[in-house]
Amino acid sequence: MSERLKRANWVQNIIHNPKILSTVNEKTFEGIARLVELMSTKYEWDRGLIVEITPS
């Protein structure tokens, strides 16, 4: 979740290239990230921008 919404540098990176690498416990995973922008419209929740990561 990005509290700075689309102003965050890492969110700008995802907008330009959704392919990501994530490391957890010294294991690296590849994935695709996407912005979930309907949260405020559908659920009236707007405290941050949700980013979904799907393993590839």
Protein backbone atom coordinates (compact mmCIF):
# COMPACT_ATOMS: atom_id res chain seq x y z
CA MET A 1 0.00 0.00 0.00
CA SER A 2 1.27 3.43 -0.93
CA GLU A 3 0.36 6.19 1.51
CA ARG A 4 1.77 8.72 -0.98
CA LEU A 5 -0.54 7.31 -3.67
CA LYS A 6 0.84 7.75 -7.21
CA ARG A 7 3.44 10.24 -5.99
CA ALA A 8 5.60 7.43 -4.55
CA ASN A 9 8.65 6.61 -6.68
CA TRP A 10 8.05 2.87 -6.49
CA VAL A 11 4.46 3.33 -7.71
CA GLN A 12 5.76 5.41 -10.65
CA ASN A 13 8.15 2.54 -11.43
CA ILE A 14 5.24 0.06 -11.48
CA ILE A 15 3.24 2.34 -13.78
CA HIS A 16 6.14 2.38 -16.26
CA ASN A 17 7.07 -1.30 -15.87
CA PRO A 18 4.85 -3.67 -13.87
CA LYS A 19 7.45 -6.47 -13.69
CA ILE A 20 8.85 -6.71 -10.16
CA LEU A 21 11.38 -8.65 -8.13
CA SER A 22 10.66 -9.19 -4.45
CA THR A 23 12.93 -10.76 -1.86
CA VAL A 24 11.55 -12.50 1.23
CA ASN A 25 13.79 -14.49 3.59
CA GLU A 26 16.65 -14.42 1.06
CA LYS A 27 14.43 -15.89 -1.72
CA THR A 28 13.73 -13.73 -4.75
CA PHE A 29 10.41 -13.94 -6.62
CA GLU A 30 9.35 -12.47 -9.95
CA GLY A 31 5.90 -11.00 -10.36
CA ILE A 32 3.61 -8.49 -11.99
CA ALA A 33 2.24 -5.55 -10.01
CA ARG A 34 -0.92 -3.60 -10.69
CA LEU A 35 -2.61 -0.68 -9.02
CA VAL A 36 -6.01 -1.38 -7.48
CA GLU A 37 -7.67 1.99 -7.95
CA LEU A 38 -11.32 1.07 -7.40
CA MET A 39 -11.03 0.81 -3.62
CA SER A 40 -12.38 4.32 -3.00
CA THR A 41 -15.18 3.96 -5.55
CA LYS A 42 -16.33 0.48 -4.56
CA TYR A 43 -15.56 0.41 -0.83
CA GLU A 44 -15.32 4.12 0.06
CA TRP A 45 -11.79 3.48 1.36
CA ASP A 46 -9.11 5.97 0.39
CA ARG A 47 -6.30 5.85 2.95
CA GLY A 48 -3.75 4.61 0.44
CA LEU A 49 -3.22 3.10 -2.98
CA ILE A 50 -3.37 -0.68 -2.94
CA VAL A 51 -0.89 -2.54 -5.15
CA GLU A 52 -1.56 -6.18 -6.05
CA ILE A 53 1.40 -8.44 -6.81
CA THR A 54 0.84 -11.64 -8.78
CA PRO A 55 3.67 -14.21 -9.05
CA SER A 56 4.78 -14.91 -12.61
